[in-house]
Amino acid sequence: MRTALLLLLLAFGLAGCGPKLVTMKPLNTFPEPLVEPLPVSVGVYFPPEFASFTHKEKRPGPSGEEWTINLGAPQLQVFRAIFDATFTAARELDAPERGNGGINAIIVPSVKDFQFALPDDTRAKVFEIWVKYDLSIRDPQGEEIGHWAFTAYGKTPTAFLKTDEEAIQAATVVALRDAGASMITGLQRDPRIREWLGVP
């Protein structure tokens, strides 16, 4: 009887340590950026690995949880909204060097790093997300002019969230909104970017 009970408890413990899957869906609402568009036209190329970005990680420690976090859909949604609002015209390209046709520059975004922290990591009842982005700014022929990197951050408390997956989803939404705010500020005000884009 005791052996059966131990096996049952072990089975429940293993079930709790199973793979964690977070598939982000497009955001229901994303505030329309209220900015004056820069007087330039840009081409935007979203690499396949950006459009379907997925982070996979086996967590350290006794639990050894395996996490898969896919944030491609809302990430594209946010970046498209920011580019559309920030520039007079933003046209998506099917290759990073096919930008001829009245555009001032080409922008190629990428994810350079993705990290997340669980309450067990920080000993605080919060879930945190960090996403390091890079915008490669190129001339109309695809030759690189410069890079602009920034980090988006999001966190959420565990209160009112039923699962770890829901908490990671909520923190990721906050991080994506932070990414949008960072891009608006950088594209509008950073003198290097304005020079690279040919903004008067």
N, C-alpha and C. Protein backbone atom coordinates (compact mmCIF):
# COMPACT_ATOMS: atom_id res chain seq x y z
N MET A 1 0.84 -1.21 0.00
CA MET A 1 0.00 0.00 0.00
C MET A 1 0.87 1.26 0.00
N ARG A 2 1.92 1.22 0.87
CA ARG A 2 2.80 2.39 0.95
C ARG A 2 3.52 2.61 -0.38
N THR A 3 3.94 1.51 -1.01
CA THR A 3 4.64 1.62 -2.30
C THR A 3 3.74 2.22 -3.36
N ALA A 4 2.49 1.80 -3.39
CA ALA A 4 1.53 2.34 -4.37
C ALA A 4 1.31 3.82 -4.16
N LEU A 5 1.24 4.23 -2.90
CA LEU A 5 1.05 5.65 -2.59
C LEU A 5 2.24 6.47 -3.05
N LEU A 6 3.45 5.95 -2.82
CA LEU A 6 4.65 6.67 -3.25
C LEU A 6 4.70 6.80 -4.76
N LEU A 7 4.33 5.74 -5.46
CA LEU A 7 4.31 5.80 -6.92
C LEU A 7 3.30 6.81 -7.43
N LEU A 8 2.15 6.89 -6.75
CA LEU A 8 1.12 7.85 -7.15
C LEU A 8 1.60 9.28 -6.96
N LEU A 9 2.25 9.54 -5.81
CA LEU A 9 2.77 10.88 -5.55
C LEU A 9 3.86 11.24 -6.55
N LEU A 10 4.70 10.26 -6.90
CA LEU A 10 5.75 10.51 -7.88
C LEU A 10 5.16 10.84 -9.24
N ALA A 11 4.09 10.14 -9.61
CA ALA A 11 3.44 10.40 -10.89
C ALA A 11 2.88 11.81 -10.95
N PHE A 12 2.27 12.25 -9.84
CA PHE A 12 1.74 13.63 -9.82
C PHE A 12 2.87 14.64 -9.89
N GLY A 13 4.00 14.32 -9.22
CA GLY A 13 5.14 15.24 -9.27
C GLY A 13 5.70 15.37 -10.66
N LEU A 14 5.83 14.25 -11.36
CA LEU A 14 6.33 14.29 -12.73
C LEU A 14 5.37 15.02 -13.65
N ALA A 15 4.07 14.86 -13.45
CA ALA A 15 3.09 15.56 -14.28
C ALA A 15 3.23 17.06 -14.14
N GLY A 16 3.55 17.51 -12.90
CA GLY A 16 3.68 18.95 -12.67
C GLY A 16 4.91 19.53 -13.32
N CYS A 17 5.88 18.66 -13.69
CA CYS A 17 7.13 19.15 -14.28
C CYS A 17 7.16 18.96 -15.78
N GLY A 18 6.02 18.74 -16.39
CA GLY A 18 5.96 18.51 -17.82
C GLY A 18 6.30 19.75 -18.61
N PRO A 19 6.43 19.62 -19.93
CA PRO A 19 6.76 20.76 -20.79
C PRO A 19 5.73 21.89 -20.66
N LYS A 20 6.23 23.11 -20.69
CA LYS A 20 5.37 24.30 -20.63
C LYS A 20 5.36 24.94 -22.01
N LEU A 21 4.19 25.14 -22.56
CA LEU A 21 4.05 25.73 -23.89
C LEU A 21 3.25 27.01 -23.80
N VAL A 22 3.84 28.09 -24.31
CA VAL A 22 3.16 29.39 -24.36
C VAL A 22 3.14 29.85 -25.81
N THR A 23 1.97 29.89 -26.41
CA THR A 23 1.81 30.38 -27.77
C THR A 23 1.04 31.68 -27.72
N MET A 24 1.74 32.78 -27.99
CA MET A 24 1.11 34.09 -27.91
C MET A 24 0.21 34.32 -29.12
N LYS A 25 -0.97 34.85 -28.86
CA LYS A 25 -1.91 35.20 -29.92
C LYS A 25 -1.85 36.69 -30.17
N PRO A 26 -2.35 37.15 -31.34
CA PRO A 26 -2.38 38.60 -31.58
C PRO A 26 -3.10 39.32 -30.46
N LEU A 27 -2.64 40.51 -30.13
CA LEU A 27 -3.23 41.28 -29.06
C LEU A 27 -4.62 41.76 -29.45
N ASN A 28 -5.55 41.67 -28.50
CA ASN A 28 -6.92 42.14 -28.76
C ASN A 28 -6.93 43.66 -28.96
N THR A 29 -6.11 44.34 -28.18
CA THR A 29 -6.03 45.80 -28.29
C THR A 29 -4.57 46.22 -28.22
N PHE A 30 -4.22 47.16 -29.06
CA PHE A 30 -2.90 47.77 -29.01
C PHE A 30 -3.10 49.25 -29.31
N PRO A 31 -2.79 50.12 -28.35
CA PRO A 31 -3.08 51.54 -28.56
C PRO A 31 -2.40 52.11 -29.79
N GLU A 32 -3.15 52.84 -30.59
CA GLU A 32 -2.59 53.45 -31.79
C GLU A 32 -1.60 54.53 -31.40
N PRO A 33 -0.36 54.42 -31.87
CA PRO A 33 0.65 55.41 -31.51
C PRO A 33 0.27 56.80 -32.01
N LEU A 34 0.27 57.76 -31.11
CA LEU A 34 -0.09 59.13 -31.46
C LEU A 34 1.19 59.93 -31.69
N VAL A 35 1.74 59.81 -32.88
CA VAL A 35 2.98 60.51 -33.22
C VAL A 35 2.84 61.15 -34.60
N GLU A 36 3.67 62.15 -34.83
CA GLU A 36 3.73 62.77 -36.14
C GLU A 36 4.67 61.93 -37.00
N PRO A 37 4.19 61.37 -38.10
CA PRO A 37 5.05 60.50 -38.92
C PRO A 37 6.28 61.24 -39.43
N LEU A 38 7.40 60.55 -39.40
CA LEU A 38 8.62 61.12 -39.98
C LEU A 38 8.45 61.19 -41.50
N PRO A 39 8.93 62.24 -42.14
CA PRO A 39 8.71 62.44 -43.58
C PRO A 39 9.63 61.59 -44.46
N VAL A 40 9.62 60.29 -44.23
CA VAL A 40 10.43 59.37 -45.02
C VAL A 40 9.62 58.11 -45.31
N SER A 41 10.01 57.41 -46.37
CA SER A 41 9.40 56.13 -46.70
C SER A 41 10.46 55.04 -46.47
N VAL A 42 10.05 53.96 -45.80
CA VAL A 42 11.01 52.90 -45.50
C VAL A 42 10.47 51.56 -46.00
N GLY A 43 11.40 50.67 -46.27
CA GLY A 43 11.05 49.29 -46.52
C GLY A 43 11.35 48.50 -45.25
N VAL A 44 10.52 47.54 -44.93
CA VAL A 44 10.73 46.72 -43.73
C VAL A 44 10.78 45.26 -44.14
N TYR A 45 11.83 44.60 -43.69
CA TYR A 45 11.95 43.16 -43.95
C TYR A 45 11.91 42.41 -42.63
N PHE A 46 10.92 41.52 -42.48
CA PHE A 46 10.81 40.69 -41.29
C PHE A 46 11.38 39.30 -41.62
N PRO A 47 12.57 38.96 -41.10
CA PRO A 47 13.13 37.64 -41.36
C PRO A 47 12.20 36.54 -40.83
N PRO A 48 12.19 35.37 -41.44
CA PRO A 48 11.31 34.28 -40.98
C PRO A 48 11.49 33.96 -39.51
N GLU A 49 12.74 34.01 -39.02
CA GLU A 49 12.98 33.67 -37.62
C GLU A 49 12.43 34.74 -36.67
N PHE A 50 12.23 35.95 -37.18
CA PHE A 50 11.60 37.00 -36.38
C PHE A 50 10.08 36.83 -36.41
N ALA A 51 9.55 36.56 -37.58
CA ALA A 51 8.10 36.44 -37.74
C ALA A 51 7.53 35.27 -36.95
N SER A 52 8.34 34.25 -36.71
CA SER A 52 7.85 33.08 -35.96
C SER A 52 8.73 32.80 -34.76
N PHE A 53 9.23 33.86 -34.14
CA PHE A 53 10.22 33.68 -33.07
C PHE A 53 9.71 32.76 -31.96
N THR A 54 10.54 31.77 -31.62
CA THR A 54 10.22 30.81 -30.56
C THR A 54 11.45 30.62 -29.68
N HIS A 55 11.23 30.76 -28.39
CA HIS A 55 12.31 30.54 -27.42
C HIS A 55 12.08 29.21 -26.72
N LYS A 56 13.13 28.37 -26.70
CA LYS A 56 13.06 27.09 -26.01
C LYS A 56 14.16 27.04 -24.96
N GLU A 57 13.79 26.57 -23.78
CA GLU A 57 14.76 26.56 -22.68
C GLU A 57 14.40 25.50 -21.65
N LYS A 58 15.42 24.80 -21.19
CA LYS A 58 15.25 23.87 -20.08
C LYS A 58 15.73 24.57 -18.82
N ARG A 59 14.85 24.77 -17.87
CA ARG A 59 15.16 25.53 -16.68
C ARG A 59 16.11 24.77 -15.77
N PRO A 60 17.02 25.47 -15.10
CA PRO A 60 17.92 24.80 -14.16
C PRO A 60 17.18 24.41 -12.89
N GLY A 61 17.84 23.64 -12.05
CA GLY A 61 17.26 23.29 -10.77
C GLY A 61 16.56 21.94 -10.81
N PRO A 62 16.02 21.54 -9.67
CA PRO A 62 15.41 20.21 -9.54
C PRO A 62 14.24 19.99 -10.49
N SER A 63 13.46 21.03 -10.76
CA SER A 63 12.27 20.84 -11.60
C SER A 63 12.64 20.53 -13.04
N GLY A 64 13.68 21.21 -13.55
CA GLY A 64 14.11 20.97 -14.92
C GLY A 64 13.02 21.17 -15.95
N GLU A 65 12.12 22.14 -15.71
CA GLU A 65 11.01 22.35 -16.63
C GLU A 65 11.50 22.77 -18.02
N GLU A 66 10.84 22.27 -19.02
CA GLU A 66 11.13 22.66 -20.39
C GLU A 66 10.07 23.65 -20.86
N TRP A 67 10.52 24.82 -21.28
CA TRP A 67 9.62 25.88 -21.72
C TRP A 67 9.79 26.14 -23.21
N THR A 68 8.65 26.33 -23.88
CA THR A 68 8.63 26.78 -25.27
C THR A 68 7.70 27.99 -25.34
N ILE A 69 8.25 29.13 -25.74
CA ILE A 69 7.48 30.38 -25.77
C ILE A 69 7.52 30.93 -27.19
N ASN A 70 6.37 31.01 -27.83
CA ASN A 70 6.27 31.52 -29.20
C ASN A 70 5.58 32.87 -29.17
N LEU A 71 6.28 33.91 -29.63
CA LEU A 71 5.67 35.25 -29.60
C LEU A 71 5.66 35.92 -30.97
N GLY A 72 5.74 35.11 -32.02
CA GLY A 72 5.81 35.68 -33.36
C GLY A 72 4.64 36.55 -33.75
N ALA A 73 3.41 36.07 -33.53
CA ALA A 73 2.23 36.80 -34.02
C ALA A 73 2.07 38.19 -33.39
N PRO A 74 2.05 38.33 -32.06
CA PRO A 74 1.88 39.68 -31.50
C PRO A 74 3.11 40.55 -31.71
N GLN A 75 4.28 39.93 -31.81
CA GLN A 75 5.50 40.70 -32.08
C GLN A 75 5.40 41.39 -33.44
N LEU A 76 4.98 40.65 -34.45
CA LEU A 76 4.77 41.25 -35.77
C LEU A 76 3.71 42.35 -35.70
N GLN A 77 2.64 42.09 -34.97
CA GLN A 77 1.55 43.06 -34.85
C GLN A 77 2.07 44.38 -34.29
N VAL A 78 2.86 44.33 -33.24
CA VAL A 78 3.38 45.54 -32.60
C VAL A 78 4.34 46.27 -33.52
N PHE A 79 5.28 45.54 -34.13
CA PHE A 79 6.27 46.19 -34.99
C PHE A 79 5.61 46.82 -36.22
N ARG A 80 4.65 46.13 -36.80
CA ARG A 80 3.95 46.70 -37.95
C ARG A 80 3.23 47.99 -37.56
N ALA A 81 2.55 47.97 -36.41
CA ALA A 81 1.81 49.16 -35.97
C ALA A 81 2.75 50.33 -35.74
N ILE A 82 3.91 50.07 -35.14
CA ILE A 82 4.86 51.16 -34.87
C ILE A 82 5.43 51.72 -36.15
N PHE A 83 5.86 50.85 -37.05
CA PHE A 83 6.43 51.34 -38.32
C PHE A 83 5.39 52.10 -39.14
N ASP A 84 4.17 51.60 -39.19
CA ASP A 84 3.11 52.28 -39.95
C ASP A 84 2.83 53.67 -39.40
N ALA A 85 2.90 53.80 -38.07
CA ALA A 85 2.59 55.09 -37.44
C ALA A 85 3.77 56.06 -37.48
N THR A 86 4.98 55.52 -37.48
CA THR A 86 6.17 56.37 -37.33
C THR A 86 6.63 56.99 -38.64
N PHE A 87 6.34 56.33 -39.76
CA PHE A 87 6.84 56.81 -41.06
C PHE A 87 5.68 57.18 -41.99
N THR A 88 5.98 58.08 -42.92
CA THR A 88 4.98 58.46 -43.92
C THR A 88 4.50 57.23 -44.67
N ALA A 89 5.43 56.32 -44.98
CA ALA A 89 5.08 55.07 -45.64
C ALA A 89 6.04 53.99 -45.16
N ALA A 90 5.50 52.79 -44.90
CA ALA A 90 6.32 51.64 -44.51
C ALA A 90 5.83 50.45 -45.33
N ARG A 91 6.69 49.97 -46.22
CA ARG A 91 6.31 48.88 -47.12
C ARG A 91 7.09 47.62 -46.77
N GLU A 92 6.38 46.51 -46.58
CA GLU A 92 7.05 45.25 -46.27
C GLU A 92 7.71 44.69 -47.53
N LEU A 93 8.93 44.19 -47.36
CA LEU A 93 9.71 43.64 -48.46
C LEU A 93 9.84 42.13 -48.32
N ASP A 94 10.08 41.46 -49.44
CA ASP A 94 10.26 40.01 -49.38
C ASP A 94 11.73 39.63 -49.33
N ALA A 95 12.63 40.61 -49.32
CA ALA A 95 14.07 40.37 -49.18
C ALA A 95 14.70 41.66 -48.67
N PRO A 96 15.79 41.56 -47.89
CA PRO A 96 16.37 42.77 -47.29
C PRO A 96 17.15 43.64 -48.25
N GLU A 97 17.33 43.21 -49.50
CA GLU A 97 18.09 44.02 -50.45
C GLU A 97 17.25 44.47 -51.63
N ARG A 98 15.93 44.29 -51.53
CA ARG A 98 15.06 44.67 -52.64
C ARG A 98 14.24 45.89 -52.27
N GLY A 99 14.93 47.00 -52.10
CA GLY A 99 14.23 48.17 -51.61
C GLY A 99 14.13 49.31 -52.60
N ASN A 100 14.57 49.12 -53.82
CA ASN A 100 14.48 50.21 -54.79
C ASN A 100 13.03 50.58 -55.05
N GLY A 101 12.79 51.84 -55.29
CA GLY A 101 11.43 52.25 -55.59
C GLY A 101 10.92 53.32 -54.66
N GLY A 102 11.72 54.36 -54.44
CA GLY A 102 11.25 55.51 -53.69
C GLY A 102 11.33 55.40 -52.18
N ILE A 103 12.14 54.50 -51.63
CA ILE A 103 12.28 54.42 -50.19
C ILE A 103 13.62 55.01 -49.77
N ASN A 104 13.64 55.53 -48.54
CA ASN A 104 14.85 56.15 -48.02
C ASN A 104 15.79 55.15 -47.37
N ALA A 105 15.23 54.09 -46.79
CA ALA A 105 16.05 53.12 -46.06
C ALA A 105 15.26 51.83 -45.87
N ILE A 106 15.99 50.79 -45.46
CA ILE A 106 15.39 49.49 -45.15
C ILE A 106 15.66 49.19 -43.68
N ILE A 107 14.65 48.69 -42.98
CA ILE A 107 14.79 48.31 -41.57
C ILE A 107 14.58 46.81 -41.45
N VAL A 108 15.53 46.14 -40.78
CA VAL A 108 15.44 44.70 -40.56
C VAL A 108 15.51 44.43 -39.05
N PRO A 109 14.40 44.09 -38.41
CA PRO A 109 14.43 43.82 -36.97
C PRO A 109 14.82 42.38 -36.68
N SER A 110 15.41 42.17 -35.52
CA SER A 110 15.76 40.82 -35.08
C SER A 110 15.74 40.74 -33.56
N VAL A 111 15.58 39.53 -33.05
CA VAL A 111 15.64 39.27 -31.61
C VAL A 111 17.04 38.75 -31.31
N LYS A 112 17.78 39.47 -30.48
CA LYS A 112 19.14 39.07 -30.14
C LYS A 112 19.19 38.23 -28.87
N ASP A 113 18.25 38.42 -27.98
CA ASP A 113 18.26 37.65 -26.73
C ASP A 113 16.86 37.67 -26.13
N PHE A 114 16.52 36.57 -25.47
CA PHE A 114 15.23 36.45 -24.79
C PHE A 114 15.48 35.75 -23.47
N GLN A 115 15.03 36.36 -22.38
CA GLN A 115 15.18 35.77 -21.06
C GLN A 115 13.89 35.93 -20.27
N PHE A 116 13.66 35.00 -19.37
CA PHE A 116 12.51 35.14 -18.48
C PHE A 116 12.86 34.58 -17.11
N ALA A 117 12.18 35.11 -16.12
CA ALA A 117 12.41 34.70 -14.73
C ALA A 117 11.09 34.31 -14.09
N LEU A 118 11.13 33.23 -13.33
CA LEU A 118 9.97 32.74 -12.61
C LEU A 118 10.12 33.10 -11.13
N PRO A 119 9.04 33.05 -10.37
CA PRO A 119 9.15 33.36 -8.94
C PRO A 119 10.23 32.57 -8.21
N ASP A 120 10.45 31.33 -8.61
CA ASP A 120 11.49 30.53 -7.97
C ASP A 120 12.88 31.11 -8.21
N ASP A 121 13.05 31.84 -9.32
CA ASP A 121 14.36 32.42 -9.63
C ASP A 121 14.66 33.64 -8.79
N THR A 122 13.65 34.46 -8.56
CA THR A 122 13.85 35.76 -7.92
C THR A 122 13.37 35.81 -6.48
N ARG A 123 12.68 34.75 -6.05
CA ARG A 123 12.08 34.71 -4.70
C ARG A 123 11.10 35.86 -4.50
N ALA A 124 10.53 36.32 -5.58
CA ALA A 124 9.48 37.34 -5.53
C ALA A 124 8.30 36.81 -6.35
N LYS A 125 7.11 37.21 -6.00
CA LYS A 125 5.93 36.68 -6.67
C LYS A 125 5.65 37.43 -7.97
N VAL A 126 6.64 37.42 -8.85
CA VAL A 126 6.47 38.06 -10.15
C VAL A 126 7.09 37.18 -11.22
N PHE A 127 6.59 37.34 -12.44
CA PHE A 127 7.17 36.73 -13.63
C PHE A 127 7.74 37.87 -14.48
N GLU A 128 8.95 37.70 -14.99
CA GLU A 128 9.60 38.77 -15.73
C GLU A 128 10.08 38.29 -17.10
N ILE A 129 10.05 39.21 -18.05
CA ILE A 129 10.48 38.93 -19.42
C ILE A 129 11.43 40.04 -19.88
N TRP A 130 12.52 39.64 -20.54
CA TRP A 130 13.42 40.60 -21.18
C TRP A 130 13.62 40.16 -22.63
N VAL A 131 13.43 41.08 -23.56
CA VAL A 131 13.68 40.79 -24.97
C VAL A 131 14.62 41.86 -25.52
N LYS A 132 15.79 41.44 -26.00
CA LYS A 132 16.73 42.38 -26.59
C LYS A 132 16.54 42.38 -28.10
N TYR A 133 16.18 43.54 -28.64
CA TYR A 133 15.94 43.68 -30.07
C TYR A 133 17.08 44.45 -30.74
N ASP A 134 17.20 44.25 -32.03
CA ASP A 134 18.16 45.00 -32.83
C ASP A 134 17.48 45.40 -34.13
N LEU A 135 17.61 46.68 -34.47
CA LEU A 135 17.13 47.16 -35.76
C LEU A 135 18.34 47.44 -36.64
N SER A 136 18.45 46.69 -37.72
CA SER A 136 19.50 46.94 -38.71
C SER A 136 18.95 47.96 -39.71
N ILE A 137 19.62 49.09 -39.82
CA ILE A 137 19.20 50.15 -40.74
C ILE A 137 20.09 50.07 -41.98
N ARG A 138 19.47 49.97 -43.15
CA ARG A 138 20.23 49.78 -44.40
C ARG A 138 19.80 50.81 -45.44
N ASP A 139 20.68 51.02 -46.41
CA ASP A 139 20.32 51.95 -47.48
C ASP A 139 19.38 51.24 -48.45
N PRO A 140 18.82 51.95 -49.44
CA PRO A 140 17.84 51.33 -50.34
C PRO A 140 18.36 50.12 -51.12
N GLN A 141 19.68 49.97 -51.19
CA GLN A 141 20.25 48.82 -51.90
C GLN A 141 20.57 47.66 -50.96
N GLY A 142 20.30 47.84 -49.68
CA GLY A 142 20.51 46.77 -48.72
C GLY A 142 21.84 46.82 -47.99
N GLU A 143 22.66 47.84 -48.24
CA GLU A 143 23.94 47.95 -47.54
C GLU A 143 23.71 48.52 -46.15
N GLU A 144 24.29 47.88 -45.16
CA GLU A 144 24.04 48.28 -43.78
C GLU A 144 24.67 49.63 -43.46
N ILE A 145 23.87 50.48 -42.77
CA ILE A 145 24.34 51.80 -42.35
C ILE A 145 24.67 51.79 -40.86
N GLY A 146 23.82 51.16 -40.07
CA GLY A 146 24.04 51.14 -38.63
C GLY A 146 23.07 50.22 -37.92
N HIS A 147 23.28 50.06 -36.60
CA HIS A 147 22.42 49.22 -35.76
C HIS A 147 21.88 50.05 -34.60
N TRP A 148 20.66 49.74 -34.21
CA TRP A 148 20.11 50.34 -33.00
C TRP A 148 19.50 49.22 -32.17
N ALA A 149 20.02 49.04 -30.95
CA ALA A 149 19.56 47.97 -30.06
C ALA A 149 18.80 48.56 -28.88
N PHE A 150 17.81 47.83 -28.43
CA PHE A 150 17.07 48.24 -27.23
C PHE A 150 16.49 46.99 -26.57
N THR A 151 16.17 47.11 -25.29
CA THR A 151 15.64 45.98 -24.53
C THR A 151 14.24 46.30 -24.02
N ALA A 152 13.32 45.38 -24.26
CA ALA A 152 11.95 45.51 -23.76
C ALA A 152 11.82 44.67 -22.50
N TYR A 153 11.05 45.18 -21.55
CA TYR A 153 10.90 44.50 -20.26
C TYR A 153 9.43 44.44 -19.87
N GLY A 154 9.05 43.31 -19.32
CA GLY A 154 7.69 43.17 -18.83
C GLY A 154 7.66 42.28 -17.61
N LYS A 155 6.76 42.59 -16.68
CA LYS A 155 6.60 41.74 -15.51
C LYS A 155 5.14 41.72 -15.10
N THR A 156 4.78 40.70 -14.37
CA THR A 156 3.41 40.59 -13.88
C THR A 156 3.41 39.83 -12.58
N PRO A 157 2.57 40.19 -11.62
CA PRO A 157 2.47 39.42 -10.38
C PRO A 157 1.71 38.12 -10.62
N THR A 158 1.81 37.21 -9.67
CA THR A 158 1.11 35.93 -9.82
C THR A 158 -0.36 36.03 -9.46
N ALA A 159 -0.75 37.10 -8.80
CA ALA A 159 -2.14 37.22 -8.35
C ALA A 159 -3.12 37.13 -9.52
N PHE A 160 -4.19 36.38 -9.31
CA PHE A 160 -5.30 36.24 -10.25
C PHE A 160 -4.93 35.45 -11.52
N LEU A 161 -3.74 34.90 -11.57
CA LEU A 161 -3.35 34.11 -12.73
C LEU A 161 -3.31 32.63 -12.32
N LYS A 162 -4.01 31.81 -13.07
CA LYS A 162 -4.18 30.43 -12.67
C LYS A 162 -2.95 29.57 -12.92
N THR A 163 -2.20 29.86 -13.97
CA THR A 163 -1.07 29.01 -14.33
C THR A 163 0.17 29.85 -14.62
N ASP A 164 1.33 29.18 -14.60
CA ASP A 164 2.58 29.85 -14.96
C ASP A 164 2.52 30.34 -16.40
N GLU A 165 1.90 29.54 -17.28
CA GLU A 165 1.80 29.92 -18.68
C GLU A 165 1.04 31.22 -18.85
N GLU A 166 -0.06 31.38 -18.11
CA GLU A 166 -0.84 32.62 -18.18
C GLU A 166 -0.01 33.81 -17.70
N ALA A 167 0.79 33.59 -16.66
CA ALA A 167 1.62 34.66 -16.13
C ALA A 167 2.68 35.08 -17.14
N ILE A 168 3.29 34.10 -17.81
CA ILE A 168 4.30 34.43 -18.83
C ILE A 168 3.65 35.17 -19.99
N GLN A 169 2.44 34.76 -20.38
CA GLN A 169 1.73 35.46 -21.44
C GLN A 169 1.50 36.92 -21.07
N ALA A 170 1.03 37.16 -19.82
CA ALA A 170 0.75 38.52 -19.38
C ALA A 170 2.02 39.36 -19.34
N ALA A 171 3.13 38.79 -18.85
CA ALA A 171 4.40 39.52 -18.81
C ALA A 171 4.90 39.83 -20.21
N THR A 172 4.69 38.91 -21.14
CA THR A 172 5.14 39.12 -22.52
C THR A 172 4.36 40.24 -23.18
N VAL A 173 3.06 40.33 -22.91
CA VAL A 173 2.26 41.42 -23.45
C VAL A 173 2.81 42.77 -22.97
N VAL A 174 3.15 42.85 -21.68
CA VAL A 174 3.73 44.08 -21.14
C VAL A 174 5.06 44.40 -21.83
N ALA A 175 5.88 43.36 -22.05
CA ALA A 175 7.17 43.58 -22.71
C ALA A 175 6.99 44.08 -24.14
N LEU A 176 6.01 43.55 -24.86
CA LEU A 176 5.77 43.99 -26.23
C LEU A 176 5.29 45.44 -26.27
N ARG A 177 4.47 45.82 -25.32
CA ARG A 177 4.05 47.23 -25.25
C ARG A 177 5.24 48.13 -24.94
N ASP A 178 6.14 47.64 -24.09
CA ASP A 178 7.36 48.40 -23.78
C ASP A 178 8.24 48.52 -25.02
N ALA A 179 8.30 47.45 -25.82
CA ALA A 179 9.05 47.50 -27.08
C ALA A 179 8.50 48.58 -28.00
N GLY A 180 7.18 48.66 -28.09
CA GLY A 180 6.55 49.67 -28.93
C GLY A 180 6.90 51.07 -28.48
N ALA A 181 6.86 51.30 -27.16
CA ALA A 181 7.18 52.63 -26.63
C ALA A 181 8.65 52.98 -26.88
N SER A 182 9.53 52.00 -26.72
CA SER A 182 10.96 52.24 -26.95
C SER A 182 11.23 52.58 -28.41
N MET A 183 10.56 51.88 -29.32
CA MET A 183 10.78 52.15 -30.74
C MET A 183 10.30 53.54 -31.13
N ILE A 184 9.14 53.93 -30.64
CA ILE A 184 8.62 55.25 -30.96
C ILE A 184 9.62 56.32 -30.53
N THR A 185 10.11 56.20 -29.28
CA THR A 185 11.05 57.18 -28.75
C THR A 185 12.34 57.20 -29.56
N GLY A 186 12.89 56.02 -29.83
CA GLY A 186 14.15 55.96 -30.54
C GLY A 186 14.05 56.45 -31.97
N LEU A 187 13.05 55.99 -32.69
CA LEU A 187 12.91 56.37 -34.10
C LEU A 187 12.62 57.86 -34.25
N GLN A 188 11.92 58.43 -33.28
CA GLN A 188 11.57 59.84 -33.38
C GLN A 188 12.71 60.76 -32.95
N ARG A 189 13.49 60.33 -31.94
CA ARG A 189 14.39 61.28 -31.30
C ARG A 189 15.88 60.98 -31.44
N ASP A 190 16.25 59.73 -31.67
CA ASP A 190 17.67 59.40 -31.71
C ASP A 190 18.31 60.04 -32.95
N PRO A 191 19.29 60.93 -32.76
CA PRO A 191 19.88 61.63 -33.92
C PRO A 191 20.59 60.68 -34.89
N ARG A 192 21.16 59.59 -34.38
CA ARG A 192 21.83 58.63 -35.27
C ARG A 192 20.83 58.00 -36.24
N ILE A 193 19.69 57.58 -35.70
CA ILE A 193 18.68 56.94 -36.54
C ILE A 193 18.12 57.92 -37.55
N ARG A 194 17.88 59.13 -37.13
CA ARG A 194 17.36 60.15 -38.04
C ARG A 194 18.35 60.39 -39.18
N GLU A 195 19.63 60.39 -38.86
CA GLU A 195 20.64 60.58 -39.90
C GLU A 195 20.67 59.38 -40.85
N TRP A 196 20.62 58.16 -40.28
CA TRP A 196 20.64 56.96 -41.10
C TRP A 196 19.44 56.90 -42.04
N LEU A 197 18.28 57.36 -41.55
CA LEU A 197 17.06 57.32 -42.33
C LEU A 197 16.94 58.49 -43.29
N GLY A 198 17.81 59.45 -43.15
CA GLY A 198 17.73 60.62 -44.02
C GLY A 198 16.63 61.56 -43.63
N VAL A 199 16.30 61.61 -42.33
CA VAL A 199 15.25 62.52 -41.86
C VAL A 199 15.80 63.94 -41.84
N PRO A 200 15.12 64.88 -42.45
CA PRO A 200 15.59 66.28 -42.49
C PRO A 200 15.75 66.85 -41.08
